[in-house]
Amino acid sequence: MDRAQSSSSSGRSVVLQQFIGLRDWKGAPIFEGHKVMATYKEEDVDVSSPGIVQWYDREAMYGIWLGEPDGAGELWPILKFRALEVIGNIYETAELLN
């Protein structure tokens, strides 16, 4: 079991989602594993890109993984973004990983 899974009293595997202490621009709580539309400024232009909220042990922070879910990409510190919008989560909608 990874750190996001646990067993319930009924013996079923359940996924525990960690609230990261932030809300998106619409007021929805953001959890680890959520897919978000992340907006950042690049050369005075707002750029939006989808990403996955992840915990980064080495830096002890939450970040947004921008790139392929299991491939090339980069984890950006979550506070670098101007706006976040929750668009789904990887536990209930696995196809969001693609």
N, C-alpha and C. Protein backbone atom coordinates (compact mmCIF):
# COMPACT_ATOMS: atom_id res chain seq x y z
N MET A 1 0.83 -1.18 0.00
CA MET A 1 0.00 0.00 0.00
C MET A 1 0.88 1.25 0.00
N ASP A 2 0.55 2.22 -0.85
CA ASP A 2 1.31 3.47 -0.80
C ASP A 2 0.75 4.36 0.31
N ARG A 3 1.33 5.55 0.46
CA ARG A 3 0.95 6.39 1.61
C ARG A 3 -0.46 6.94 1.52
N ALA A 4 -1.13 6.81 0.37
CA ALA A 4 -2.49 7.34 0.22
C ALA A 4 -3.55 6.27 0.37
N GLN A 5 -3.16 5.02 0.64
CA GLN A 5 -4.14 3.96 0.76
C GLN A 5 -4.15 3.40 2.17
N SER A 6 -5.29 2.86 2.55
CA SER A 6 -5.47 2.28 3.86
C SER A 6 -6.53 1.20 3.74
N SER A 7 -6.70 0.42 4.79
CA SER A 7 -7.78 -0.57 4.81
C SER A 7 -8.88 -0.09 5.74
N SER A 8 -10.11 -0.26 5.31
CA SER A 8 -11.24 0.10 6.17
C SER A 8 -11.56 -1.07 7.08
N SER A 9 -12.47 -0.85 8.03
CA SER A 9 -12.85 -1.92 8.95
C SER A 9 -13.53 -3.08 8.22
N SER A 10 -14.07 -2.81 7.03
CA SER A 10 -14.71 -3.88 6.25
C SER A 10 -13.69 -4.66 5.42
N GLY A 11 -12.41 -4.24 5.49
CA GLY A 11 -11.37 -4.94 4.73
C GLY A 11 -11.17 -4.39 3.33
N ARG A 12 -12.00 -3.43 2.93
CA ARG A 12 -11.85 -2.83 1.60
C ARG A 12 -10.71 -1.82 1.61
N SER A 13 -10.04 -1.69 0.48
CA SER A 13 -9.00 -0.69 0.34
C SER A 13 -9.65 0.66 0.05
N VAL A 14 -9.25 1.68 0.79
CA VAL A 14 -9.78 3.02 0.58
C VAL A 14 -8.62 3.97 0.32
N VAL A 15 -8.90 5.06 -0.35
CA VAL A 15 -7.89 6.06 -0.63
C VAL A 15 -8.11 7.24 0.29
N LEU A 16 -7.07 7.61 1.04
CA LEU A 16 -7.13 8.76 1.92
C LEU A 16 -6.55 9.96 1.18
N GLN A 17 -7.31 11.04 1.11
CA GLN A 17 -6.83 12.22 0.42
C GLN A 17 -6.43 13.27 1.44
N GLN A 18 -5.26 13.86 1.24
CA GLN A 18 -4.74 14.87 2.15
C GLN A 18 -5.12 16.26 1.66
N PHE A 19 -5.88 17.00 2.48
CA PHE A 19 -6.19 18.40 2.17
C PHE A 19 -4.90 19.19 2.32
N ILE A 20 -4.55 20.00 1.33
CA ILE A 20 -3.26 20.71 1.36
C ILE A 20 -3.35 22.08 2.01
N GLY A 21 -4.53 22.48 2.46
CA GLY A 21 -4.69 23.76 3.14
C GLY A 21 -4.98 24.93 2.22
N LEU A 22 -5.21 24.65 0.94
CA LEU A 22 -5.52 25.71 -0.03
C LEU A 22 -6.83 25.41 -0.72
N ARG A 23 -7.43 26.46 -1.27
CA ARG A 23 -8.65 26.32 -2.07
C ARG A 23 -8.39 26.92 -3.44
N ASP A 24 -9.12 26.41 -4.44
CA ASP A 24 -8.95 26.98 -5.78
C ASP A 24 -9.70 28.32 -5.85
N TRP A 25 -9.65 28.96 -7.00
CA TRP A 25 -10.24 30.30 -7.13
C TRP A 25 -11.76 30.29 -7.01
N LYS A 26 -12.38 29.10 -7.12
CA LYS A 26 -13.83 28.99 -6.94
C LYS A 26 -14.20 28.63 -5.51
N GLY A 27 -13.20 28.38 -4.66
CA GLY A 27 -13.46 28.03 -3.27
C GLY A 27 -13.43 26.55 -2.97
N ALA A 28 -13.17 25.70 -3.98
CA ALA A 28 -13.13 24.25 -3.76
C ALA A 28 -11.83 23.86 -3.06
N PRO A 29 -11.91 22.99 -2.05
CA PRO A 29 -10.69 22.55 -1.37
C PRO A 29 -9.80 21.74 -2.33
N ILE A 30 -8.49 21.90 -2.18
CA ILE A 30 -7.53 21.19 -3.02
C ILE A 30 -6.90 20.08 -2.20
N PHE A 31 -6.90 18.86 -2.76
CA PHE A 31 -6.33 17.69 -2.11
C PHE A 31 -5.18 17.14 -2.94
N GLU A 32 -4.28 16.44 -2.27
CA GLU A 32 -3.22 15.73 -2.96
C GLU A 32 -3.88 14.75 -3.94
N GLY A 33 -3.38 14.70 -5.17
CA GLY A 33 -3.95 13.83 -6.18
C GLY A 33 -4.97 14.52 -7.08
N HIS A 34 -5.38 15.74 -6.74
CA HIS A 34 -6.30 16.46 -7.61
C HIS A 34 -5.59 16.88 -8.89
N LYS A 35 -6.36 16.86 -9.97
CA LYS A 35 -5.87 17.45 -11.21
C LYS A 35 -6.38 18.88 -11.22
N VAL A 36 -5.47 19.82 -11.49
CA VAL A 36 -5.83 21.23 -11.47
C VAL A 36 -5.39 21.89 -12.78
N MET A 37 -6.08 22.97 -13.10
CA MET A 37 -5.61 23.85 -14.16
C MET A 37 -4.82 24.93 -13.43
N ALA A 38 -3.52 24.97 -13.67
CA ALA A 38 -2.62 25.88 -12.97
C ALA A 38 -2.25 27.04 -13.89
N THR A 39 -2.42 28.26 -13.38
CA THR A 39 -2.11 29.45 -14.17
C THR A 39 -0.90 30.15 -13.57
N TYR A 40 0.05 30.46 -14.43
CA TYR A 40 1.26 31.16 -14.01
C TYR A 40 1.60 32.23 -15.04
N LYS A 41 2.46 33.14 -14.66
CA LYS A 41 2.85 34.23 -15.54
C LYS A 41 4.19 33.89 -16.19
N GLU A 42 4.23 34.04 -17.51
CA GLU A 42 5.47 33.81 -18.25
C GLU A 42 5.63 34.96 -19.24
N GLU A 43 6.66 35.77 -19.03
CA GLU A 43 6.92 36.93 -19.88
C GLU A 43 5.67 37.81 -20.03
N ASP A 44 5.08 38.19 -18.90
CA ASP A 44 3.91 39.06 -18.83
C ASP A 44 2.65 38.50 -19.49
N VAL A 45 2.60 37.18 -19.68
CA VAL A 45 1.42 36.53 -20.26
C VAL A 45 0.99 35.43 -19.30
N ASP A 46 -0.32 35.35 -19.02
CA ASP A 46 -0.83 34.25 -18.20
C ASP A 46 -0.89 32.98 -19.03
N VAL A 47 -0.30 31.92 -18.50
CA VAL A 47 -0.28 30.61 -19.17
C VAL A 47 -0.99 29.63 -18.25
N SER A 48 -1.89 28.81 -18.80
CA SER A 48 -2.59 27.78 -18.02
C SER A 48 -2.18 26.41 -18.53
N SER A 49 -1.95 25.51 -17.58
CA SER A 49 -1.52 24.17 -17.92
C SER A 49 -2.10 23.19 -16.90
N PRO A 50 -2.57 22.00 -17.33
CA PRO A 50 -3.07 21.03 -16.36
C PRO A 50 -1.92 20.35 -15.63
N GLY A 51 -2.16 20.02 -14.38
CA GLY A 51 -1.15 19.33 -13.59
C GLY A 51 -1.78 18.57 -12.44
N ILE A 52 -0.97 17.78 -11.75
CA ILE A 52 -1.42 16.96 -10.62
C ILE A 52 -0.77 17.47 -9.33
N VAL A 53 -1.56 17.66 -8.27
CA VAL A 53 -1.05 18.09 -6.98
C VAL A 53 -0.32 16.91 -6.33
N GLN A 54 0.96 17.13 -5.97
CA GLN A 54 1.77 16.08 -5.37
C GLN A 54 2.59 16.62 -4.21
N TRP A 55 2.91 15.73 -3.26
CA TRP A 55 3.80 16.06 -2.16
C TRP A 55 5.23 15.79 -2.62
N TYR A 56 6.14 16.69 -2.30
CA TYR A 56 7.54 16.58 -2.68
C TYR A 56 8.35 16.44 -1.41
N ASP A 57 8.75 15.19 -1.07
CA ASP A 57 9.46 14.91 0.18
C ASP A 57 10.75 15.70 0.34
N ARG A 58 11.55 15.75 -0.71
CA ARG A 58 12.87 16.37 -0.62
C ARG A 58 12.80 17.84 -0.20
N GLU A 59 11.77 18.54 -0.64
CA GLU A 59 11.61 19.95 -0.29
C GLU A 59 10.54 20.18 0.77
N ALA A 60 9.87 19.11 1.20
CA ALA A 60 8.79 19.18 2.20
C ALA A 60 7.75 20.22 1.80
N MET A 61 7.19 20.05 0.60
CA MET A 61 6.20 21.00 0.09
C MET A 61 5.26 20.30 -0.90
N TYR A 62 4.11 20.94 -1.12
CA TYR A 62 3.23 20.50 -2.20
C TYR A 62 3.64 21.22 -3.47
N GLY A 63 3.44 20.54 -4.57
CA GLY A 63 3.74 21.12 -5.86
C GLY A 63 2.74 20.64 -6.89
N ILE A 64 2.87 21.19 -8.09
CA ILE A 64 2.05 20.78 -9.21
C ILE A 64 2.97 20.12 -10.23
N TRP A 65 2.69 18.86 -10.55
CA TRP A 65 3.45 18.13 -11.56
C TRP A 65 2.92 18.54 -12.93
N LEU A 66 3.76 19.23 -13.69
CA LEU A 66 3.41 19.63 -15.05
C LEU A 66 4.18 18.73 -16.00
N GLY A 67 3.47 17.96 -16.78
CA GLY A 67 4.10 17.05 -17.72
C GLY A 67 3.34 15.75 -17.77
N GLU A 68 3.98 14.74 -18.31
CA GLU A 68 3.37 13.42 -18.40
C GLU A 68 3.27 12.81 -17.01
N PRO A 69 2.15 12.14 -16.69
CA PRO A 69 1.96 11.58 -15.34
C PRO A 69 3.08 10.65 -14.89
N ASP A 70 3.57 9.80 -15.76
CA ASP A 70 4.63 8.87 -15.38
C ASP A 70 5.88 9.07 -16.23
N GLY A 71 6.09 10.28 -16.70
CA GLY A 71 7.21 10.51 -17.58
C GLY A 71 7.86 11.86 -17.37
N ALA A 72 8.26 12.48 -18.48
CA ALA A 72 8.98 13.74 -18.43
C ALA A 72 8.07 14.86 -17.92
N GLY A 73 8.62 15.70 -17.10
CA GLY A 73 7.89 16.84 -16.57
C GLY A 73 8.68 17.46 -15.45
N GLU A 74 8.01 18.33 -14.72
CA GLU A 74 8.68 19.05 -13.64
C GLU A 74 7.68 19.36 -12.54
N LEU A 75 8.13 19.25 -11.29
CA LEU A 75 7.29 19.59 -10.14
C LEU A 75 7.57 21.03 -9.75
N TRP A 76 6.55 21.88 -9.86
CA TRP A 76 6.68 23.30 -9.53
C TRP A 76 6.10 23.55 -8.14
N PRO A 77 6.73 24.41 -7.34
CA PRO A 77 6.16 24.75 -6.03
C PRO A 77 4.76 25.35 -6.22
N ILE A 78 3.83 24.92 -5.41
CA ILE A 78 2.43 25.31 -5.59
C ILE A 78 2.22 26.81 -5.45
N LEU A 79 3.04 27.48 -4.68
CA LEU A 79 2.85 28.92 -4.47
C LEU A 79 3.37 29.77 -5.62
N LYS A 80 3.95 29.16 -6.64
CA LYS A 80 4.39 29.90 -7.83
C LYS A 80 3.23 30.22 -8.78
N PHE A 81 2.08 29.61 -8.53
CA PHE A 81 0.95 29.77 -9.45
C PHE A 81 0.06 30.93 -9.02
N ARG A 82 -0.46 31.64 -10.02
CA ARG A 82 -1.35 32.78 -9.77
C ARG A 82 -2.76 32.31 -9.45
N ALA A 83 -3.17 31.20 -10.04
CA ALA A 83 -4.52 30.67 -9.81
C ALA A 83 -4.52 29.16 -10.05
N LEU A 84 -5.36 28.47 -9.30
CA LEU A 84 -5.56 27.03 -9.47
C LEU A 84 -7.05 26.77 -9.57
N GLU A 85 -7.42 25.81 -10.41
CA GLU A 85 -8.82 25.38 -10.51
C GLU A 85 -8.85 23.86 -10.52
N VAL A 86 -9.56 23.26 -9.56
CA VAL A 86 -9.70 21.81 -9.50
C VAL A 86 -10.54 21.36 -10.69
N ILE A 87 -10.01 20.39 -11.47
CA ILE A 87 -10.75 19.87 -12.62
C ILE A 87 -11.00 18.37 -12.50
N GLY A 88 -10.60 17.76 -11.39
CA GLY A 88 -10.85 16.35 -11.15
C GLY A 88 -9.83 15.78 -10.19
N ASN A 89 -9.89 14.45 -9.98
CA ASN A 89 -8.86 13.81 -9.17
C ASN A 89 -8.52 12.45 -9.75
N ILE A 90 -7.30 12.03 -9.49
CA ILE A 90 -6.79 10.81 -10.11
C ILE A 90 -7.39 9.54 -9.52
N TYR A 91 -8.04 9.65 -8.36
CA TYR A 91 -8.60 8.46 -7.71
C TYR A 91 -9.98 8.11 -8.24
N GLU A 92 -10.80 9.11 -8.52
CA GLU A 92 -12.15 8.85 -8.99
C GLU A 92 -12.25 8.87 -10.51
N THR A 93 -11.30 9.53 -11.18
CA THR A 93 -11.33 9.68 -12.62
C THR A 93 -9.93 9.37 -13.16
N ALA A 94 -9.58 8.10 -13.24
CA ALA A 94 -8.23 7.69 -13.63
C ALA A 94 -7.85 8.18 -15.02
N GLU A 95 -8.82 8.37 -15.92
CA GLU A 95 -8.50 8.83 -17.26
C GLU A 95 -7.96 10.25 -17.26
N LEU A 96 -8.09 10.99 -16.15
CA LEU A 96 -7.50 12.32 -16.08
C LEU A 96 -5.99 12.28 -16.11
N LEU A 97 -5.42 11.12 -15.83
CA LEU A 97 -3.97 11.00 -15.88
C LEU A 97 -3.44 11.11 -17.29
N ASN A 98 -4.28 10.90 -18.29
CA ASN A 98 -3.81 10.95 -19.68
C ASN A 98 -4.01 12.31 -20.28
